[in-house]
Each structure stands twice: as C-alpha cells, then as structure tokens.
C-alpha cells in the first residue's frame, strides 16, 4: 500500500479506473470497484488467480489507497 496520502475517494477511484484501462492483458469488464475512505473493495470475476493478484498489485501503488479488500472470484469455465 502507498504511504498515507489524503486524497478523495473520487480521485482514488479515477486513478484505479485509469490503471485498469492500461491493463491490456486483463479483462476488467466484470470487475467492480468501491472506494470508501481510502479502502478499496474489488468484487466481480476474473479469469485466473494471477489476474486477481495483478489487479491488487496495480491498485496497491495508487496514492491514497489505505487497504484493499480483494473479493474477486475466479470464473469457473
């Protein structure tokens, strides 16, 4: 997680959305993001455990993120 930075949830959310757009190898269409007081919750589905971890790693570098609850599920194929 980044060091504590006082940023609005809206700014954090926008940075997450921007970072997800740059993740060309991961489909994020089924990923939901909620930000509340710097705490990020991911829900929805991804295809692999690696994608789940990659998205969490991407978010952890965003200034203002205090905690990540990664509730993403792996799609059953």
PDB file of N, CA and C in Angstrom:
ATOM      1  N   UNK A   1       0.835  -1.177   0.000  1.00  0.00           N
ATOM      2  CA  UNK A   1       0.000   0.000   0.000  1.00  0.00           C
ATOM      3  C   UNK A   1       0.884   1.245   0.000  1.00  0.00           C
ATOM      4  N   UNK A   2       0.335   2.276  -0.541  1.00  0.00           N
ATOM      5  CA  UNK A   2       1.086   3.523  -0.568  1.00  0.00           C
ATOM      6  C   UNK A   2       1.082   4.149   0.819  1.00  0.00           C
ATOM      7  N   UNK A   3       2.056   5.011   1.063  1.00  0.00           N
ATOM      8  CA  UNK A   3       2.046   5.751   2.314  1.00  0.00           C
ATOM      9  C   UNK A   3       0.781   6.589   2.356  1.00  0.00           C
ATOM     10  N   UNK A   4       0.309   6.887   3.570  1.00  0.00           N
ATOM     11  CA  UNK A   4      -0.943   7.617   3.701  1.00  0.00           C
ATOM     12  C   UNK A   4      -0.859   8.961   2.979  1.00  0.00           C
ATOM     13  N   UNK A   5      -1.809   9.159   2.108  1.00  0.00           N
ATOM     14  CA  UNK A   5      -1.948  10.414   1.386  1.00  0.00           C
ATOM     15  C   UNK A   5      -3.422  10.762   1.448  1.00  0.00           C
ATOM     16  N   UNK A   6      -3.733  11.980   1.851  1.00  0.00           N
ATOM     17  CA  UNK A   6      -5.129  12.383   1.967  1.00  0.00           C
ATOM     18  C   UNK A   6      -5.670  12.761   0.598  1.00  0.00           C
ATOM     19  N   UNK A   7      -6.389  11.825  -0.020  1.00  0.00           N
ATOM     20  CA  UNK A   7      -6.993  12.056  -1.333  1.00  0.00           C
ATOM     21  C   UNK A   7      -8.461  11.682  -1.250  1.00  0.00           C
ATOM     22  N   UNK A   8      -9.227  12.290  -2.106  1.00  0.00           N
ATOM     23  CA  UNK A   8     -10.655  11.973  -2.115  1.00  0.00           C
ATOM     24  C   UNK A   8     -10.868  10.582  -2.714  1.00  0.00           C
ATOM     25  N   UNK A   9     -11.962   9.949  -2.285  1.00  0.00           N
ATOM     26  CA  UNK A   9     -12.311   8.642  -2.836  1.00  0.00           C
ATOM     27  C   UNK A   9     -12.525   8.729  -4.343  1.00  0.00           C
ATOM     28  N   UNK A  10     -13.082   9.830  -4.793  1.00  0.00           N
ATOM     29  CA  UNK A  10     -13.324  10.016  -6.226  1.00  0.00           C
ATOM     30  C   UNK A  10     -12.003  10.022  -6.994  1.00  0.00           C
ATOM     31  N   UNK A  11     -10.995  10.721  -6.476  1.00  0.00           N
ATOM     32  CA  UNK A  11      -9.682  10.762  -7.138  1.00  0.00           C
ATOM     33  C   UNK A  11      -9.037   9.381  -7.164  1.00  0.00           C
ATOM     34  N   UNK A  12      -9.144   8.653  -6.062  1.00  0.00           N
ATOM     35  CA  UNK A  12      -8.582   7.303  -5.998  1.00  0.00           C
ATOM     36  C   UNK A  12      -9.290   6.412  -7.008  1.00  0.00           C
ATOM     37  N   UNK A  13     -10.622   6.478  -7.039  1.00  0.00           N
ATOM     38  CA  UNK A  13     -11.410   5.675  -7.971  1.00  0.00           C
ATOM     39  C   UNK A  13     -10.997   5.958  -9.420  1.00  0.00           C
ATOM     40  N   UNK A  14     -10.841   7.234  -9.747  1.00  0.00           N
ATOM     41  CA  UNK A  14     -10.459   7.598 -11.114  1.00  0.00           C
ATOM     42  C   UNK A  14      -9.081   7.048 -11.474  1.00  0.00           C
ATOM     43  N   UNK A  15      -8.154   7.079 -10.531  1.00  0.00           N
ATOM     44  CA  UNK A  15      -6.822   6.521 -10.773  1.00  0.00           C
ATOM     45  C   UNK A  15      -6.881   5.006 -10.970  1.00  0.00           C
ATOM     46  N   UNK A  16      -7.748   4.339 -10.223  1.00  0.00           N
ATOM     47  CA  UNK A  16      -7.909   2.893 -10.380  1.00  0.00           C
ATOM     48  C   UNK A  16      -8.472   2.579 -11.760  1.00  0.00           C
ATOM     49  N   UNK A  17      -9.504   3.301 -12.159  1.00  0.00           N
ATOM     50  CA  UNK A  17     -10.098   3.078 -13.481  1.00  0.00           C
ATOM     51  C   UNK A  17      -9.064   3.296 -14.591  1.00  0.00           C
ATOM     52  N   UNK A  18      -8.269   4.328 -14.443  1.00  0.00           N
ATOM     53  CA  UNK A  18      -7.220   4.618 -15.424  1.00  0.00           C
ATOM     54  C   UNK A  18      -6.189   3.485 -15.460  1.00  0.00           C
ATOM     55  N   UNK A  19      -5.794   2.994 -14.296  1.00  0.00           N
ATOM     56  CA  UNK A  19      -4.823   1.902 -14.223  1.00  0.00           C
ATOM     57  C   UNK A  19      -5.391   0.633 -14.844  1.00  0.00           C
ATOM     58  N   UNK A  20      -6.675   0.381 -14.629  1.00  0.00           N
ATOM     59  CA  UNK A  20      -7.302  -0.811 -15.205  1.00  0.00           C
ATOM     60  C   UNK A  20      -7.331  -0.718 -16.729  1.00  0.00           C
ATOM     61  N   UNK A  21      -7.528   0.462 -17.269  1.00  0.00           N
ATOM     62  CA  UNK A  21      -7.522   0.626 -18.720  1.00  0.00           C
ATOM     63  C   UNK A  21      -6.157   0.292 -19.317  1.00  0.00           C
ATOM     64  N   UNK A  22      -5.123   0.511 -18.541  1.00  0.00           N
ATOM     65  CA  UNK A  22      -3.766   0.226 -19.002  1.00  0.00           C
ATOM     66  C   UNK A  22      -3.410  -1.250 -18.891  1.00  0.00           C
ATOM     67  N   UNK A  23      -4.226  -2.026 -18.176  1.00  0.00           N
ATOM     68  CA  UNK A  23      -4.007  -3.470 -18.027  1.00  0.00           C
ATOM     69  C   UNK A  23      -4.598  -4.183 -19.236  1.00  0.00           C
ATOM     70  N   UNK A  24      -3.897  -4.156 -20.350  1.00  0.00           N
ATOM     71  CA  UNK A  24      -4.415  -4.696 -21.599  1.00  0.00           C
ATOM     72  C   UNK A  24      -4.596  -6.211 -21.569  1.00  0.00           C
ATOM     73  N   UNK A  25      -3.854  -6.907 -20.733  1.00  0.00           N
ATOM     74  CA  UNK A  25      -3.916  -8.365 -20.698  1.00  0.00           C
ATOM     75  C   UNK A  25      -5.013  -8.899 -19.781  1.00  0.00           C
ATOM     76  N   UNK A  26      -5.691  -8.021 -19.059  1.00  0.00           N
ATOM     77  CA  UNK A  26      -6.705  -8.466 -18.109  1.00  0.00           C
ATOM     78  C   UNK A  26      -8.048  -7.831 -18.463  1.00  0.00           C
ATOM     79  N   UNK A  27      -9.057  -8.671 -18.593  1.00  0.00           N
ATOM     80  CA  UNK A  27     -10.411  -8.169 -18.824  1.00  0.00           C
ATOM     81  C   UNK A  27     -10.977  -7.667 -17.491  1.00  0.00           C
ATOM     82  N   UNK A  28     -11.266  -6.388 -17.431  1.00  0.00           N
ATOM     83  CA  UNK A  28     -11.793  -5.821 -16.188  1.00  0.00           C
ATOM     84  C   UNK A  28     -13.268  -5.445 -16.312  1.00  0.00           C
ATOM     85  N   UNK A  29     -13.919  -5.903 -17.394  1.00  0.00           N
ATOM     86  CA  UNK A  29     -15.335  -5.578 -17.600  1.00  0.00           C
ATOM     87  C   UNK A  29     -16.217  -6.104 -16.472  1.00  0.00           C
ATOM     88  N   UNK A  30     -15.819  -7.214 -15.853  1.00  0.00           N
ATOM     89  CA  UNK A  30     -16.623  -7.825 -14.797  1.00  0.00           C
ATOM     90  C   UNK A  30     -16.089  -7.514 -13.404  1.00  0.00           C
ATOM     91  N   UNK A  31     -15.264  -6.470 -13.308  1.00  0.00           N
ATOM     92  CA  UNK A  31     -14.678  -6.082 -12.021  1.00  0.00           C
ATOM     93  C   UNK A  31     -15.345  -4.805 -11.535  1.00  0.00           C
ATOM     94  N   UNK A  32     -15.837  -4.850 -10.305  1.00  0.00           N
ATOM     95  CA  UNK A  32     -16.448  -3.677  -9.676  1.00  0.00           C
ATOM     96  C   UNK A  32     -15.490  -3.119  -8.631  1.00  0.00           C
ATOM     97  N   UNK A  33     -15.444  -1.803  -8.541  1.00  0.00           N
ATOM     98  CA  UNK A  33     -14.552  -1.123  -7.606  1.00  0.00           C
ATOM     99  C   UNK A  33     -15.374  -0.183  -6.738  1.00  0.00           C
ATOM    100  N   UNK A  34     -15.168  -0.277  -5.437  1.00  0.00           N
ATOM    101  CA  UNK A  34     -15.760   0.676  -4.493  1.00  0.00           C
ATOM    102  C   UNK A  34     -14.634   1.251  -3.649  1.00  0.00           C
ATOM    103  N   UNK A  35     -14.701   2.557  -3.404  1.00  0.00           N
ATOM    104  CA  UNK A  35     -13.705   3.216  -2.567  1.00  0.00           C
ATOM    105  C   UNK A  35     -14.443   3.965  -1.462  1.00  0.00           C
ATOM    106  N   UNK A  36     -14.038   3.704  -0.220  1.00  0.00           N
ATOM    107  CA  UNK A  36     -14.649   4.364   0.930  1.00  0.00           C
ATOM    108  C   UNK A  36     -13.549   4.710   1.929  1.00  0.00           C
ATOM    109  N   UNK A  37     -13.259   5.984   2.059  1.00  0.00           N
ATOM    110  CA  UNK A  37     -12.233   6.483   2.972  1.00  0.00           C
ATOM    111  C   UNK A  37     -10.871   5.819   2.708  1.00  0.00           C
ATOM    112  N   UNK A  38     -10.541   5.657   1.427  1.00  0.00           N
ATOM    113  CA  UNK A  38      -9.259   5.095   1.050  1.00  0.00           C
ATOM    114  C   UNK A  38      -9.213   3.578   1.043  1.00  0.00           C
ATOM    115  N   UNK A  39     -10.295   2.945   1.477  1.00  0.00           N
ATOM    116  CA  UNK A  39     -10.377   1.490   1.479  1.00  0.00           C
ATOM    117  C   UNK A  39     -11.039   1.042   0.184  1.00  0.00           C
ATOM    118  N   UNK A  40     -10.345   0.198  -0.575  1.00  0.00           N
ATOM    119  CA  UNK A  40     -10.814  -0.244  -1.886  1.00  0.00           C
ATOM    120  C   UNK A  40     -11.341  -1.672  -1.771  1.00  0.00           C
ATOM    121  N   UNK A  41     -12.535  -1.892  -2.317  1.00  0.00           N
ATOM    122  CA  UNK A  41     -13.092  -3.238  -2.393  1.00  0.00           C
ATOM    123  C   UNK A  41     -13.262  -3.612  -3.854  1.00  0.00           C
ATOM    124  N   UNK A  42     -12.669  -4.748  -4.221  1.00  0.00           N
ATOM    125  CA  UNK A  42     -12.817  -5.299  -5.561  1.00  0.00           C
ATOM    126  C   UNK A  42     -13.798  -6.457  -5.494  1.00  0.00           C
ATOM    127  N   UNK A  43     -14.752  -6.475  -6.408  1.00  0.00           N
ATOM    128  CA  UNK A  43     -15.684  -7.595  -6.493  1.00  0.00           C
ATOM    129  C   UNK A  43     -15.932  -7.900  -7.961  1.00  0.00           C
ATOM    130  N   UNK A  44     -16.563  -9.035  -8.214  1.00  0.00           N
ATOM    131  CA  UNK A  44     -16.814  -9.462  -9.574  1.00  0.00           C
ATOM    132  C   UNK A  44     -15.954 -10.670  -9.902  1.00  0.00           C
ATOM    133  N   UNK A  45     -15.657 -10.839 -11.195  1.00  0.00           N
ATOM    134  CA  UNK A  45     -14.912 -12.024 -11.609  1.00  0.00           C
ATOM    135  C   UNK A  45     -13.746 -11.694 -12.537  1.00  0.00           C
ATOM    136  N   UNK A  46     -12.724 -12.529 -12.443  1.00  0.00           N
ATOM    137  CA  UNK A  46     -11.594 -12.518 -13.367  1.00  0.00           C
ATOM    138  C   UNK A  46     -11.358 -13.958 -13.809  1.00  0.00           C
ATOM    139  N   UNK A  47     -10.515 -14.145 -14.805  1.00  0.00           N
ATOM    140  CA  UNK A  47     -10.322 -15.483 -15.363  1.00  0.00           C
ATOM    141  C   UNK A  47      -9.347 -16.348 -14.571  1.00  0.00           C
ATOM    142  N   UNK A  48      -8.330 -15.715 -13.944  1.00  0.00           N
ATOM    143  CA  UNK A  48      -7.309 -16.516 -13.263  1.00  0.00           C
ATOM    144  C   UNK A  48      -6.916 -15.893 -11.930  1.00  0.00           C
ATOM    145  N   UNK A  49      -6.300 -16.714 -11.096  1.00  0.00           N
ATOM    146  CA  UNK A  49      -5.772 -16.232  -9.825  1.00  0.00           C
ATOM    147  C   UNK A  49      -4.690 -15.184 -10.066  1.00  0.00           C
ATOM    148  N   UNK A  50      -3.899 -15.365 -11.114  1.00  0.00           N
ATOM    149  CA  UNK A  50      -2.850 -14.398 -11.450  1.00  0.00           C
ATOM    150  C   UNK A  50      -3.449 -13.023 -11.751  1.00  0.00           C
ATOM    151  N   UNK A  51      -4.561 -12.991 -12.500  1.00  0.00           N
ATOM    152  CA  UNK A  51      -5.222 -11.716 -12.798  1.00  0.00           C
ATOM    153  C   UNK A  51      -5.721 -11.056 -11.519  1.00  0.00           C
ATOM    154  N   UNK A  52      -6.281 -11.851 -10.623  1.00  0.00           N
ATOM    155  CA  UNK A  52      -6.770 -11.326  -9.339  1.00  0.00           C
ATOM    156  C   UNK A  52      -5.634 -10.635  -8.588  1.00  0.00           C
ATOM    157  N   UNK A  53      -4.487 -11.305  -8.516  1.00  0.00           N
ATOM    158  CA  UNK A  53      -3.336 -10.738  -7.804  1.00  0.00           C
ATOM    159  C   UNK A  53      -2.754  -9.533  -8.540  1.00  0.00           C
ATOM    160  N   UNK A  54      -2.701  -9.599  -9.871  1.00  0.00           N
ATOM    161  CA  UNK A  54      -2.162  -8.479 -10.653  1.00  0.00           C
ATOM    162  C   UNK A  54      -2.977  -7.203 -10.436  1.00  0.00           C
ATOM    163  N   UNK A  55      -4.300  -7.328 -10.390  1.00  0.00           N
ATOM    164  CA  UNK A  55      -5.138  -6.138 -10.179  1.00  0.00           C
ATOM    165  C   UNK A  55      -4.906  -5.557  -8.787  1.00  0.00           C
ATOM    166  N   UNK A  56      -4.774  -6.418  -7.800  1.00  0.00           N
ATOM    167  CA  UNK A  56      -4.493  -5.935  -6.446  1.00  0.00           C
ATOM    168  C   UNK A  56      -3.131  -5.234  -6.392  1.00  0.00           C
ATOM    169  N   UNK A  57      -2.143  -5.817  -7.047  1.00  0.00           N
ATOM    170  CA  UNK A  57      -0.808  -5.208  -7.079  1.00  0.00           C
ATOM    171  C   UNK A  57      -0.849  -3.836  -7.750  1.00  0.00           C
ATOM    172  N   UNK A  58      -1.627  -3.728  -8.822  1.00  0.00           N
ATOM    173  CA  UNK A  58      -1.755  -2.457  -9.537  1.00  0.00           C
ATOM    174  C   UNK A  58      -2.342  -1.387  -8.627  1.00  0.00           C
ATOM    175  N   UNK A  59      -3.360  -1.733  -7.885  1.00  0.00           N
ATOM    176  CA  UNK A  59      -4.032  -0.775  -7.004  1.00  0.00           C
ATOM    177  C   UNK A  59      -3.148  -0.374  -5.832  1.00  0.00           C
ATOM    178  N   UNK A  60      -2.338  -1.295  -5.350  1.00  0.00           N
ATOM    179  CA  UNK A  60      -1.546  -1.013  -4.147  1.00  0.00           C
ATOM    180  C   UNK A  60      -0.568   0.143  -4.338  1.00  0.00           C
ATOM    181  N   UNK A  61      -0.236   0.472  -5.578  1.00  0.00           N
ATOM    182  CA  UNK A  61       0.704   1.570  -5.846  1.00  0.00           C
ATOM    183  C   UNK A  61       0.028   2.930  -6.011  1.00  0.00           C
ATOM    184  N   UNK A  62      -1.281   2.960  -5.949  1.00  0.00           N
ATOM    185  CA  UNK A  62      -2.004   4.220  -6.161  1.00  0.00           C
ATOM    186  C   UNK A  62      -2.017   5.031  -4.867  1.00  0.00           C
ATOM    187  N   UNK A  63      -1.581   6.282  -4.930  1.00  0.00           N
ATOM    188  CA  UNK A  63      -1.562   7.126  -3.729  1.00  0.00           C
ATOM    189  C   UNK A  63      -2.959   7.254  -3.110  1.00  0.00           C
ATOM    190  N   UNK A  64      -3.009   7.113  -1.785  1.00  0.00           N
ATOM    191  CA  UNK A  64      -4.260   7.272  -1.059  1.00  0.00           C
ATOM    192  C   UNK A  64      -4.944   5.965  -0.723  1.00  0.00           C
ATOM    193  N   UNK A  65      -4.522   4.855  -1.349  1.00  0.00           N
ATOM    194  CA  UNK A  65      -5.121   3.553  -1.051  1.00  0.00           C
ATOM    195  C   UNK A  65      -4.585   3.080   0.298  1.00  0.00           C
ATOM    196  N   UNK A  66      -5.496   2.905   1.250  1.00  0.00           N
ATOM    197  CA  UNK A  66      -5.097   2.508   2.594  1.00  0.00           C
ATOM    198  C   UNK A  66      -5.233   1.008   2.817  1.00  0.00           C
ATOM    199  N   UNK A  67      -6.210   0.389   2.145  1.00  0.00           N
ATOM    200  CA  UNK A  67      -6.494  -1.025   2.352  1.00  0.00           C
ATOM    201  C   UNK A  67      -7.191  -1.564   1.114  1.00  0.00           C
ATOM    202  N   UNK A  68      -6.928  -2.820   0.774  1.00  0.00           N
ATOM    203  CA  UNK A  68      -7.601  -3.449  -0.364  1.00  0.00           C
ATOM    204  C   UNK A  68      -8.297  -4.711   0.118  1.00  0.00           C
ATOM    205  N   UNK A  69      -9.600  -4.774  -0.101  1.00  0.00           N
ATOM    206  CA  UNK A  69     -10.374  -5.992   0.126  1.00  0.00           C
ATOM    207  C   UNK A  69     -10.596  -6.606  -1.246  1.00  0.00           C
ATOM    208  N   UNK A  70      -9.869  -7.671  -1.533  1.00  0.00           N
ATOM    209  CA  UNK A  70      -9.951  -8.298  -2.843  1.00  0.00           C
ATOM    210  C   UNK A  70     -10.933  -9.460  -2.781  1.00  0.00           C
ATOM    211  N   UNK A  71     -12.183  -9.170  -3.134  1.00  0.00           N
ATOM    212  CA  UNK A  71     -13.245 -10.176  -3.126  1.00  0.00           C
ATOM    213  C   UNK A  71     -13.512 -10.732  -4.522  1.00  0.00           C
ATOM    214  N   UNK A  72     -12.549 -10.562  -5.444  1.00  0.00           N
ATOM    215  CA  UNK A  72     -12.726 -11.073  -6.789  1.00  0.00           C
ATOM    216  C   UNK A  72     -12.819 -12.596  -6.783  1.00  0.00           C
ATOM    217  N   UNK A  73     -13.676 -13.111  -7.634  1.00  0.00           N
ATOM    218  CA  UNK A  73     -13.850 -14.552  -7.778  1.00  0.00           C
ATOM    219  C   UNK A  73     -13.238 -14.991  -9.105  1.00  0.00           C
ATOM    220  N   UNK A  74     -12.761 -16.225  -9.146  1.00  0.00           N
ATOM    221  CA  UNK A  74     -12.213 -16.789 -10.366  1.00  0.00           C
ATOM    222  C   UNK A  74     -13.365 -17.424 -11.139  1.00  0.00           C
ATOM    223  N   UNK A  75     -13.484 -17.076 -12.426  1.00  0.00           N
ATOM    224  CA  UNK A  75     -14.549 -17.633 -13.252  1.00  0.00           C
ATOM    225  C   UNK A  75     -14.392 -19.133 -13.365  1.00  0.00           C
ATOM    226  N   UNK A  76     -15.479 -19.824 -13.244  1.00  0.00           N
ATOM    227  CA  UNK A  76     -15.460 -21.265 -13.454  1.00  0.00           C
ATOM    228  C   UNK A  76     -15.767 -21.526 -14.918  1.00  0.00           C
ATOM    229  N   UNK A  77     -14.839 -22.158 -15.578  1.00  0.00           N
ATOM    230  CA  UNK A  77     -15.002 -22.396 -17.024  1.00  0.00           C
ATOM    231  C   UNK A  77     -15.516 -23.799 -17.262  1.00  0.00           C
TER     232      UNK A  77
END
